[in-house]
N, C-alpha and C. Protein backbone atom coordinates (compact mmCIF):
# COMPACT_ATOMS: atom_id res chain seq x y z
N MET A 1 -76.75 61.25 -63.70
CA MET A 1 -75.33 60.97 -63.71
C MET A 1 -75.11 59.47 -63.65
N ALA A 2 -75.27 58.82 -64.74
CA ALA A 2 -75.22 57.37 -64.79
C ALA A 2 -73.86 56.82 -64.39
N ASP A 3 -72.79 57.51 -64.69
CA ASP A 3 -71.44 57.01 -64.39
C ASP A 3 -71.18 56.90 -62.89
N SER A 4 -71.72 57.80 -62.09
CA SER A 4 -71.45 57.81 -60.65
C SER A 4 -72.37 56.89 -59.87
N GLY A 5 -73.45 56.43 -60.50
CA GLY A 5 -74.42 55.58 -59.80
C GLY A 5 -75.39 56.37 -58.97
N ILE A 6 -75.32 57.70 -59.01
CA ILE A 6 -76.22 58.56 -58.26
C ILE A 6 -77.36 58.98 -59.18
N ASP A 7 -78.60 58.79 -58.70
CA ASP A 7 -79.77 59.19 -59.49
C ASP A 7 -80.11 60.64 -59.18
N GLU A 8 -79.85 61.52 -60.14
CA GLU A 8 -80.24 62.93 -60.03
C GLU A 8 -81.40 63.19 -60.95
N VAL A 9 -82.33 64.03 -60.50
CA VAL A 9 -83.48 64.39 -61.31
C VAL A 9 -83.64 65.90 -61.32
N ASN A 10 -84.25 66.41 -62.37
CA ASN A 10 -84.62 67.82 -62.44
C ASN A 10 -85.92 68.00 -61.67
N VAL A 11 -85.96 68.98 -60.78
CA VAL A 11 -87.15 69.27 -59.99
C VAL A 11 -87.37 70.78 -59.95
N PHE A 12 -88.55 71.16 -59.49
CA PHE A 12 -88.89 72.56 -59.33
C PHE A 12 -89.28 72.80 -57.87
N VAL A 13 -88.69 73.82 -57.25
CA VAL A 13 -88.99 74.17 -55.87
C VAL A 13 -89.66 75.55 -55.87
N ARG A 14 -90.68 75.70 -55.04
CA ARG A 14 -91.43 76.97 -54.97
C ARG A 14 -90.59 78.03 -54.28
N LEU A 15 -90.63 79.24 -54.85
CA LEU A 15 -89.99 80.38 -54.23
C LEU A 15 -91.03 81.13 -53.39
N LEU A 16 -90.63 81.60 -52.23
CA LEU A 16 -91.51 82.34 -51.34
C LEU A 16 -91.27 83.84 -51.51
N ASP A 17 -92.22 84.63 -51.10
CA ASP A 17 -92.11 86.10 -51.09
C ASP A 17 -91.89 86.70 -52.47
N GLU A 18 -92.50 86.09 -53.49
CA GLU A 18 -92.34 86.59 -54.86
C GLU A 18 -93.54 87.40 -55.33
N GLY A 19 -94.64 87.40 -54.59
CA GLY A 19 -95.83 88.13 -55.00
C GLY A 19 -96.74 87.34 -55.94
N THR A 20 -96.24 86.26 -56.48
CA THR A 20 -97.01 85.36 -57.34
C THR A 20 -96.37 83.98 -57.20
N THR A 21 -97.01 82.96 -57.71
CA THR A 21 -96.44 81.62 -57.62
C THR A 21 -95.29 81.48 -58.62
N VAL A 22 -94.11 81.18 -58.09
CA VAL A 22 -92.91 81.03 -58.91
C VAL A 22 -92.19 79.76 -58.48
N PHE A 23 -91.71 79.00 -59.46
CA PHE A 23 -90.93 77.80 -59.19
C PHE A 23 -89.56 77.94 -59.81
N ARG A 24 -88.55 77.46 -59.10
CA ARG A 24 -87.16 77.52 -59.54
C ARG A 24 -86.71 76.12 -59.92
N PRO A 25 -86.15 75.94 -61.12
CA PRO A 25 -85.61 74.62 -61.46
C PRO A 25 -84.29 74.38 -60.73
N THR A 26 -84.10 73.15 -60.30
CA THR A 26 -82.85 72.74 -59.68
C THR A 26 -82.75 71.22 -59.85
N ARG A 27 -81.84 70.60 -59.12
CA ARG A 27 -81.63 69.15 -59.18
C ARG A 27 -81.81 68.57 -57.79
N ALA A 28 -82.10 67.29 -57.75
CA ALA A 28 -82.22 66.57 -56.48
C ALA A 28 -81.64 65.17 -56.67
N ILE A 29 -81.11 64.63 -55.59
CA ILE A 29 -80.53 63.29 -55.59
C ILE A 29 -81.51 62.34 -54.92
N SER A 30 -81.82 61.23 -55.58
CA SER A 30 -82.69 60.22 -54.99
C SER A 30 -81.94 59.46 -53.91
N LEU A 31 -82.54 59.39 -52.72
CA LEU A 31 -81.98 58.63 -51.61
C LEU A 31 -82.72 57.31 -51.41
N GLY A 32 -83.73 57.07 -52.26
CA GLY A 32 -84.54 55.86 -52.14
C GLY A 32 -85.81 56.11 -51.34
N ASP A 33 -86.76 55.21 -51.47
CA ASP A 33 -88.03 55.28 -50.75
C ASP A 33 -88.77 56.60 -50.96
N GLY A 34 -88.60 57.22 -52.13
CA GLY A 34 -89.30 58.46 -52.44
C GLY A 34 -88.74 59.70 -51.78
N ILE A 35 -87.56 59.61 -51.20
CA ILE A 35 -86.92 60.74 -50.54
C ILE A 35 -85.78 61.26 -51.42
N TYR A 36 -85.67 62.58 -51.50
CA TYR A 36 -84.64 63.24 -52.31
C TYR A 36 -83.93 64.30 -51.49
N ARG A 37 -82.66 64.53 -51.81
CA ARG A 37 -81.91 65.65 -51.21
C ARG A 37 -81.85 66.74 -52.26
N LEU A 38 -82.37 67.92 -51.91
CA LEU A 38 -82.43 69.05 -52.82
C LEU A 38 -81.04 69.68 -52.97
N LEU A 39 -80.63 69.91 -54.20
CA LEU A 39 -79.33 70.50 -54.50
C LEU A 39 -79.47 71.97 -54.86
N PRO A 40 -78.46 72.79 -54.57
CA PRO A 40 -78.53 74.20 -54.95
C PRO A 40 -78.24 74.38 -56.44
N THR A 41 -78.73 75.48 -56.99
CA THR A 41 -78.31 75.87 -58.33
C THR A 41 -76.94 76.50 -58.22
N SER A 42 -76.25 76.66 -59.32
CA SER A 42 -74.90 77.25 -59.28
C SER A 42 -74.93 78.70 -58.81
N ASP A 43 -76.05 79.37 -58.98
CA ASP A 43 -76.15 80.78 -58.57
C ASP A 43 -77.05 80.97 -57.34
N TYR A 44 -77.25 79.91 -56.55
CA TYR A 44 -78.12 80.00 -55.37
C TYR A 44 -77.59 81.06 -54.40
N ASP A 45 -78.50 81.95 -53.97
CA ASP A 45 -78.16 82.98 -52.99
C ASP A 45 -79.38 83.19 -52.10
N ALA A 46 -79.29 82.74 -50.86
CA ALA A 46 -80.42 82.83 -49.92
C ALA A 46 -80.82 84.28 -49.64
N ALA A 47 -79.92 85.23 -49.89
CA ALA A 47 -80.25 86.65 -49.69
C ALA A 47 -81.11 87.19 -50.84
N VAL A 48 -81.14 86.48 -51.96
CA VAL A 48 -81.88 86.93 -53.14
C VAL A 48 -83.18 86.16 -53.32
N GLU A 49 -83.16 84.85 -53.05
CA GLU A 49 -84.33 83.99 -53.22
C GLU A 49 -84.58 83.21 -51.94
N THR A 50 -85.86 83.08 -51.60
CA THR A 50 -86.24 82.24 -50.46
C THR A 50 -86.94 81.00 -51.01
N TRP A 51 -86.24 79.87 -50.97
CA TRP A 51 -86.82 78.62 -51.42
C TRP A 51 -87.72 78.07 -50.33
N GLU A 52 -88.85 77.46 -50.72
CA GLU A 52 -89.73 76.83 -49.74
C GLU A 52 -88.96 75.78 -48.95
N PHE A 53 -88.09 75.03 -49.62
CA PHE A 53 -87.21 74.06 -48.98
C PHE A 53 -85.81 74.38 -49.45
N PRO A 54 -84.91 74.80 -48.56
CA PRO A 54 -83.57 75.19 -48.99
C PRO A 54 -82.72 74.01 -49.46
N PRO A 55 -81.67 74.29 -50.21
CA PRO A 55 -80.76 73.23 -50.63
C PRO A 55 -80.29 72.40 -49.43
N GLY A 56 -80.20 71.11 -49.64
CA GLY A 56 -79.81 70.19 -48.57
C GLY A 56 -81.00 69.55 -47.88
N SER A 57 -82.20 70.13 -48.07
CA SER A 57 -83.40 69.59 -47.44
C SER A 57 -83.73 68.21 -48.01
N LEU A 58 -84.28 67.36 -47.15
CA LEU A 58 -84.82 66.07 -47.59
C LEU A 58 -86.27 66.30 -47.95
N VAL A 59 -86.65 65.94 -49.17
CA VAL A 59 -87.97 66.28 -49.68
C VAL A 59 -88.61 65.10 -50.40
N SER A 60 -89.91 65.22 -50.65
CA SER A 60 -90.65 64.33 -51.53
C SER A 60 -91.00 65.13 -52.78
N ILE A 61 -91.26 64.42 -53.87
CA ILE A 61 -91.62 65.10 -55.10
C ILE A 61 -92.87 64.45 -55.69
N ALA A 62 -93.54 65.20 -56.55
CA ALA A 62 -94.73 64.69 -57.25
C ALA A 62 -94.71 65.21 -58.67
N GLU A 63 -95.20 64.39 -59.58
CA GLU A 63 -95.28 64.82 -60.97
C GLU A 63 -96.54 65.65 -61.15
N ARG A 64 -96.39 66.79 -61.80
CA ARG A 64 -97.51 67.66 -62.14
C ARG A 64 -97.44 67.93 -63.64
N ILE A 65 -98.59 68.06 -64.25
CA ILE A 65 -98.66 68.33 -65.69
C ILE A 65 -98.92 69.82 -65.88
N GLY A 66 -97.99 70.49 -66.56
CA GLY A 66 -98.13 71.90 -66.87
C GLY A 66 -98.46 72.08 -68.34
N SER A 67 -98.55 73.31 -68.78
CA SER A 67 -98.89 73.59 -70.17
C SER A 67 -97.82 73.08 -71.14
N ASP A 68 -96.59 72.91 -70.65
CA ASP A 68 -95.52 72.40 -71.50
C ASP A 68 -95.09 70.98 -71.15
N GLY A 69 -95.97 70.26 -70.42
CA GLY A 69 -95.70 68.85 -70.14
C GLY A 69 -95.49 68.58 -68.67
N PRO A 70 -95.03 67.37 -68.34
CA PRO A 70 -94.87 66.97 -66.93
C PRO A 70 -93.62 67.58 -66.29
N HIS A 71 -93.73 67.88 -65.00
CA HIS A 71 -92.63 68.41 -64.20
C HIS A 71 -92.65 67.72 -62.84
N LEU A 72 -91.50 67.60 -62.22
CA LEU A 72 -91.41 67.08 -60.86
C LEU A 72 -91.33 68.27 -59.91
N LEU A 73 -92.31 68.39 -59.02
CA LEU A 73 -92.35 69.48 -58.04
C LEU A 73 -92.02 68.97 -56.66
N VAL A 74 -91.25 69.75 -55.92
CA VAL A 74 -90.99 69.45 -54.51
C VAL A 74 -92.29 69.77 -53.76
N ILE A 75 -92.79 68.77 -53.02
CA ILE A 75 -94.09 68.96 -52.36
C ILE A 75 -94.03 68.98 -50.84
N GLN A 76 -92.98 68.42 -50.24
CA GLN A 76 -92.88 68.46 -48.78
C GLN A 76 -91.48 68.14 -48.34
N GLY A 77 -91.17 68.58 -47.14
CA GLY A 77 -89.85 68.32 -46.58
C GLY A 77 -89.92 67.24 -45.56
């Protein structure tokens, strides 16, 4: 969002209790010094999905290379 001066990035957060490794795409706001605030998706429902780090969490991210290219993954809170 260049107009607002806020740096938002696309990230992937791991979902828990899925029976296999699953990541959910969402957005995060850079707070500086490698710290991000995780944002909810428009359809976020804690009763349906358990995110490893819920929306609002302060997290770090790391770039990982997948079969379709690089992705930013939430790695710690």
